[in-house]
Amino acid sequence: MAETAQSLEDLKEVTEGEGAAELAPITAEPKIDEHGRSYGTGRRKSATARVWLKPGSGKITINGKDQEEYFARPVLRMVLEQPLVEADRRTQYDVVATVKGSGLSGQAGAVRHGIARALVNFEPELRRTLKPFGFLTRDPRVVERKKYGRAKARRSFQFSKR
């Protein structure tokens, strides 16, 4: 493979010839610790979630509390279960998460991101399933900072004619 391919035909010869074994797709290895868990970090707004995933019955624990107790709103519980539902692994894994910062909505998004990343670390072939839904993408939107001479980030003070 010392020669460089100059055209598409040359490239085809290289990929079908003797160098094809070198260009075979690389399969990712699962990243599982000595306790049989995989780890994923999730972030959303100013929330950061540390998520551990292990085989189990489908129990989700956040900051030492059950998910129904920590996230009282059903919409937030639905958000953090999305990666497990799309991967069809809802009752196969137990999730233990610690989350800090932001509000409940940001925390739910951070846990969802962490669950998706931990799933991919446990089963790398799930990446194809989760990627199209955007579960592996960190949402970059954060609160805009307040500017001086303004009431908020963009809101001006009330105008007074007199």
C-alpha atoms as a PDB file:
ATOM      1  CA  MET A   1       0.000   0.000   0.000  1.00  0.00           C
ATOM      2  CA  ALA A   2       2.984   2.249  -0.555  1.00  0.00           C
ATOM      3  CA  GLU A   3       1.448   3.631  -3.757  1.00  0.00           C
ATOM      4  CA  THR A   4      -1.072   6.451  -3.603  1.00  0.00           C
ATOM      5  CA  ALA A   5      -4.401   6.118  -5.416  1.00  0.00           C
ATOM      6  CA  GLN A   6      -4.785   8.804  -8.099  1.00  0.00           C
ATOM      7  CA  SER A   7      -8.219   7.865  -9.464  1.00  0.00           C
ATOM      8  CA  LEU A   8     -11.385   6.050  -8.459  1.00  0.00           C
ATOM      9  CA  GLU A   9     -10.260   2.925 -10.329  1.00  0.00           C
ATOM     10  CA  ASP A  10      -7.010   2.867  -8.345  1.00  0.00           C
ATOM     11  CA  LEU A  11      -8.978   3.258  -5.134  1.00  0.00           C
ATOM     12  CA  LYS A  12     -11.284   0.402  -6.127  1.00  0.00           C
ATOM     13  CA  GLU A  13      -8.281  -1.844  -6.776  1.00  0.00           C
ATOM     14  CA  VAL A  14      -6.817  -0.991  -3.372  1.00  0.00           C
ATOM     15  CA  THR A  15     -10.047  -1.683  -1.479  1.00  0.00           C
ATOM     16  CA  GLU A  16     -10.751  -4.959  -3.300  1.00  0.00           C
ATOM     17  CA  GLY A  17      -7.135  -6.144  -3.519  1.00  0.00           C
ATOM     18  CA  GLU A  18      -4.658  -7.340  -0.933  1.00  0.00           C
ATOM     19  CA  GLY A  19      -5.018  -4.220   1.276  1.00  0.00           C
ATOM     20  CA  ALA A  20      -8.745  -4.786   1.873  1.00  0.00           C
ATOM     21  CA  ALA A  21      -8.148  -6.396   5.269  1.00  0.00           C
ATOM     22  CA  GLU A  22      -6.455  -3.218   6.490  1.00  0.00           C
ATOM     23  CA  LEU A  23      -9.476  -1.076   5.519  1.00  0.00           C
ATOM     24  CA  ALA A  24     -12.140  -3.327   7.082  1.00  0.00           C
ATOM     25  CA  PRO A  25     -14.591  -1.489   9.356  1.00  0.00           C
ATOM     26  CA  ILE A  26     -13.425  -1.319  12.946  1.00  0.00           C
ATOM     27  CA  THR A  27     -15.934  -2.623  15.469  1.00  0.00           C
ATOM     28  CA  ALA A  28     -15.880  -0.771  18.763  1.00  0.00           C
ATOM     29  CA  GLU A  29     -15.320  -2.724  21.958  1.00  0.00           C
ATOM     30  CA  PRO A  30     -17.785  -2.392  24.856  1.00  0.00           C
ATOM     31  CA  LYS A  31     -16.477  -0.307  27.766  1.00  0.00           C
ATOM     32  CA  ILE A  32     -17.562  -2.162  30.897  1.00  0.00           C
ATOM     33  CA  ASP A  33     -15.876  -1.767  34.306  1.00  0.00           C
ATOM     34  CA  GLU A  34     -15.058  -4.495  36.848  1.00  0.00           C
ATOM     35  CA  HIS A  35     -18.541  -4.156  38.408  1.00  0.00           C
ATOM     36  CA  GLY A  36     -20.270  -4.897  35.077  1.00  0.00           C
ATOM     37  CA  ARG A  37     -21.347  -1.266  34.536  1.00  0.00           C
ATOM     38  CA  SER A  38     -20.856   1.194  31.723  1.00  0.00           C
ATOM     39  CA  TYR A  39     -20.551   4.939  32.278  1.00  0.00           C
ATOM     40  CA  GLY A  40     -21.791   7.984  30.390  1.00  0.00           C
ATOM     41  CA  THR A  41     -21.637  11.716  31.070  1.00  0.00           C
ATOM     42  CA  GLY A  42     -24.587  13.813  29.956  1.00  0.00           C
ATOM     43  CA  ARG A  43     -24.873  17.595  29.758  1.00  0.00           C
ATOM     44  CA  ARG A  44     -27.734  19.981  29.044  1.00  0.00           C
ATOM     45  CA  LYS A  45     -27.908  23.733  29.785  1.00  0.00           C
ATOM     46  CA  SER A  46     -25.826  23.975  32.987  1.00  0.00           C
ATOM     47  CA  ALA A  47     -26.717  20.475  34.257  1.00  0.00           C
ATOM     48  CA  THR A  48     -24.200  17.632  34.367  1.00  0.00           C
ATOM     49  CA  ALA A  49     -25.260  14.002  34.868  1.00  0.00           C
ATOM     50  CA  ARG A  50     -23.025  11.039  35.671  1.00  0.00           C
ATOM     51  CA  VAL A  51     -24.826   7.857  34.595  1.00  0.00           C
ATOM     52  CA  TRP A  52     -23.991   4.208  35.294  1.00  0.00           C
ATOM     53  CA  LEU A  53     -25.802   1.452  33.420  1.00  0.00           C
ATOM     54  CA  LYS A  54     -25.841  -2.205  34.476  1.00  0.00           C
ATOM     55  CA  PRO A  55     -27.964  -5.231  33.530  1.00  0.00           C
ATOM     56  CA  GLY A  56     -31.093  -5.396  35.653  1.00  0.00           C
ATOM     57  CA  SER A  57     -34.856  -4.985  35.722  1.00  0.00           C
ATOM     58  CA  GLY A  58     -35.246  -1.421  34.409  1.00  0.00           C
ATOM     59  CA  LYS A  59     -35.075   0.573  37.663  1.00  0.00           C
ATOM     60  CA  ILE A  60     -33.961   4.206  37.284  1.00  0.00           C
ATOM     61  CA  THR A  61     -32.452   5.954  40.327  1.00  0.00           C
ATOM     62  CA  ILE A  62     -31.478   9.645  40.293  1.00  0.00           C
ATOM     63  CA  ASN A  63     -29.528  11.162  43.230  1.00  0.00           C
ATOM     64  CA  GLY A  64     -30.579   8.242  45.442  1.00  0.00           C
ATOM     65  CA  LYS A  65     -34.307   8.665  44.691  1.00  0.00           C
ATOM     66  CA  ASP A  66     -36.609   6.729  42.404  1.00  0.00           C
ATOM     67  CA  GLN A  67     -37.387   8.467  39.095  1.00  0.00           C
ATOM     68  CA  GLU A  68     -41.076   9.002  40.051  1.00  0.00           C
ATOM     69  CA  GLU A  69     -39.990  10.775  43.214  1.00  0.00           C
ATOM     70  CA  TYR A  70     -37.228  12.915  41.658  1.00  0.00           C
ATOM     71  CA  PHE A  71     -39.031  13.834  38.419  1.00  0.00           C
ATOM     72  CA  ALA A  72     -42.677  14.258  39.434  1.00  0.00           C
ATOM     73  CA  ARG A  73     -43.792  15.427  35.969  1.00  0.00           C
ATOM     74  CA  PRO A  74     -44.506  12.524  33.569  1.00  0.00           C
ATOM     75  CA  VAL A  75     -43.014  14.471  30.647  1.00  0.00           C
ATOM     76  CA  LEU A  76     -39.600  14.559  32.320  1.00  0.00           C
ATOM     77  CA  ARG A  77     -39.738  10.825  33.039  1.00  0.00           C
ATOM     78  CA  MET A  78     -40.649  10.217  29.394  1.00  0.00           C
ATOM     79  CA  VAL A  79     -37.664  12.332  28.273  1.00  0.00           C
ATOM     80  CA  LEU A  80     -35.112  10.306  30.200  1.00  0.00           C
ATOM     81  CA  GLU A  81     -36.576   6.964  29.079  1.00  0.00           C
ATOM     82  CA  GLN A  82     -36.430   7.859  25.359  1.00  0.00           C
ATOM     83  CA  PRO A  83     -33.019   6.268  24.572  1.00  0.00           C
ATOM     84  CA  LEU A  84     -33.980   3.040  26.359  1.00  0.00           C
ATOM     85  CA  VAL A  85     -37.344   2.867  24.565  1.00  0.00           C
ATOM     86  CA  GLU A  86     -35.859   3.540  21.106  1.00  0.00           C
ATOM     87  CA  ALA A  87     -33.143   0.927  21.669  1.00  0.00           C
ATOM     88  CA  ASP A  88     -35.826  -1.504  22.966  1.00  0.00           C
ATOM     89  CA  ARG A  89     -33.886  -1.992  26.226  1.00  0.00           C
ATOM     90  CA  ARG A  90     -36.405  -0.515  28.715  1.00  0.00           C
ATOM     91  CA  THR A  91     -36.482  -3.497  31.100  1.00  0.00           C
ATOM     92  CA  GLN A  92     -32.942  -4.810  30.522  1.00  0.00           C
ATOM     93  CA  TYR A  93     -30.829  -2.210  32.349  1.00  0.00           C
ATOM     94  CA  ASP A  94     -30.803  -0.498  35.730  1.00  0.00           C
ATOM     95  CA  VAL A  95     -29.762   3.158  35.646  1.00  0.00           C
ATOM     96  CA  VAL A  96     -28.051   4.975  38.522  1.00  0.00           C
ATOM     97  CA  ALA A  97     -27.451   8.695  37.934  1.00  0.00           C
ATOM     98  CA  THR A  98     -26.171  11.655  39.894  1.00  0.00           C
ATOM     99  CA  VAL A  99     -27.050  15.050  38.464  1.00  0.00           C
ATOM    100  CA  LYS A 100     -26.155  18.610  39.482  1.00  0.00           C
ATOM    101  CA  GLY A 101     -26.933  22.100  38.247  1.00  0.00           C
ATOM    102  CA  SER A 102     -29.706  23.778  36.238  1.00  0.00           C
ATOM    103  CA  GLY A 103     -33.406  23.007  36.757  1.00  0.00           C
ATOM    104  CA  LEU A 104     -35.448  19.851  36.418  1.00  0.00           C
ATOM    105  CA  SER A 105     -35.839  20.157  32.630  1.00  0.00           C
ATOM    106  CA  GLY A 106     -32.096  20.586  32.078  1.00  0.00           C
ATOM    107  CA  GLN A 107     -31.373  17.739  34.473  1.00  0.00           C
ATOM    108  CA  ALA A 108     -33.759  15.407  32.639  1.00  0.00           C
ATOM    109  CA  GLY A 109     -32.044  16.260  29.342  1.00  0.00           C
ATOM    110  CA  ALA A 110     -28.626  15.660  30.892  1.00  0.00           C
ATOM    111  CA  VAL A 111     -29.673  12.256  32.240  1.00  0.00           C
ATOM    112  CA  ARG A 112     -31.092  11.338  28.804  1.00  0.00           C
ATOM    113  CA  HIS A 113     -27.783  12.275  27.160  1.00  0.00           C
ATOM    114  CA  GLY A 114     -25.860  10.264  29.767  1.00  0.00           C
ATOM    115  CA  ILE A 115     -28.096   7.194  29.359  1.00  0.00           C
ATOM    116  CA  ALA A 116     -27.595   7.269  25.585  1.00  0.00           C
ATOM    117  CA  ARG A 117     -23.813   7.518  25.924  1.00  0.00           C
ATOM    118  CA  ALA A 118     -23.721   4.737  28.538  1.00  0.00           C
ATOM    119  CA  LEU A 119     -25.853   2.512  26.257  1.00  0.00           C
ATOM    120  CA  VAL A 120     -23.375   3.000  23.412  1.00  0.00           C
ATOM    121  CA  ASN A 121     -20.487   2.186  25.774  1.00  0.00           C
ATOM    122  CA  PHE A 122     -22.289  -1.020  26.825  1.00  0.00           C
ATOM    123  CA  GLU A 123     -23.460  -2.022  23.319  1.00  0.00           C
ATOM    124  CA  PRO A 124     -21.530  -0.150  20.576  1.00  0.00           C
ATOM    125  CA  GLU A 125     -23.871  -1.427  17.844  1.00  0.00           C
ATOM    126  CA  LEU A 126     -26.700   0.684  19.349  1.00  0.00           C
ATOM    127  CA  ARG A 127     -24.966   3.824  18.047  1.00  0.00           C
ATOM    128  CA  ARG A 128     -26.721   3.374  14.676  1.00  0.00           C
ATOM    129  CA  THR A 129     -30.083   3.227  16.456  1.00  0.00           C
ATOM    130  CA  LEU A 130     -29.615   6.223  18.778  1.00  0.00           C
ATOM    131  CA  LYS A 131     -27.692   8.641  16.534  1.00  0.00           C
ATOM    132  CA  PRO A 132     -30.569   9.519  14.113  1.00  0.00           C
ATOM    133  CA  PHE A 133     -32.781  10.579  17.045  1.00  0.00           C
ATOM    134  CA  GLY A 134     -30.131  13.013  18.308  1.00  0.00           C
ATOM    135  CA  PHE A 135     -29.679  11.331  21.689  1.00  0.00           C
ATOM    136  CA  LEU A 136     -25.878  11.352  21.393  1.00  0.00           C
ATOM    137  CA  THR A 137     -25.649  15.051  20.496  1.00  0.00           C
ATOM    138  CA  ARG A 138     -25.032  17.537  23.296  1.00  0.00           C
ATOM    139  CA  ASP A 139     -27.596  20.342  23.013  1.00  0.00           C
ATOM    140  CA  PRO A 140     -25.406  23.483  22.865  1.00  0.00           C
ATOM    141  CA  ARG A 141     -28.140  25.954  23.845  1.00  0.00           C
ATOM    142  CA  VAL A 142     -27.442  27.744  27.126  1.00  0.00           C
ATOM    143  CA  VAL A 143     -28.827  30.881  28.750  1.00  0.00           C
ATOM    144  CA  GLU A 144     -27.474  34.082  27.228  1.00  0.00           C
ATOM    145  CA  ARG A 145     -25.587  36.272  29.682  1.00  0.00           C
ATOM    146  CA  LYS A 146     -26.955  39.571  30.977  1.00  0.00           C
ATOM    147  CA  LYS A 147     -25.435  42.691  29.403  1.00  0.00           C
ATOM    148  CA  TYR A 148     -24.718  45.943  31.217  1.00  0.00           C
ATOM    149  CA  GLY A 149     -27.164  48.766  30.516  1.00  0.00           C
ATOM    150  CA  ARG A 150     -29.941  46.216  29.943  1.00  0.00           C
ATOM    151  CA  ALA A 151     -32.610  44.729  32.204  1.00  0.00           C
ATOM    152  CA  LYS A 152     -31.819  41.182  30.997  1.00  0.00           C
ATOM    153  CA  ALA A 153     -29.776  39.761  28.112  1.00  0.00           C
ATOM    154  CA  ARG A 154     -31.665  41.754  25.467  1.00  0.00           C
ATOM    155  CA  ARG A 155     -34.548  43.439  27.284  1.00  0.00           C
ATOM    156  CA  SER A 156     -34.087  47.193  27.693  1.00  0.00           C
ATOM    157  CA  PHE A 157     -35.265  49.193  30.659  1.00  0.00           C
ATOM    158  CA  GLN A 158     -38.713  50.776  30.291  1.00  0.00           C
ATOM    159  CA  PHE A 159     -38.555  54.024  28.307  1.00  0.00           C
ATOM    160  CA  SER A 160     -39.727  57.145  30.116  1.00  0.00           C
ATOM    161  CA  LYS A 161     -40.507  60.237  28.065  1.00  0.00           C
ATOM    162  CA  ARG A 162     -40.505  62.519  31.118  1.00  0.00           C
END
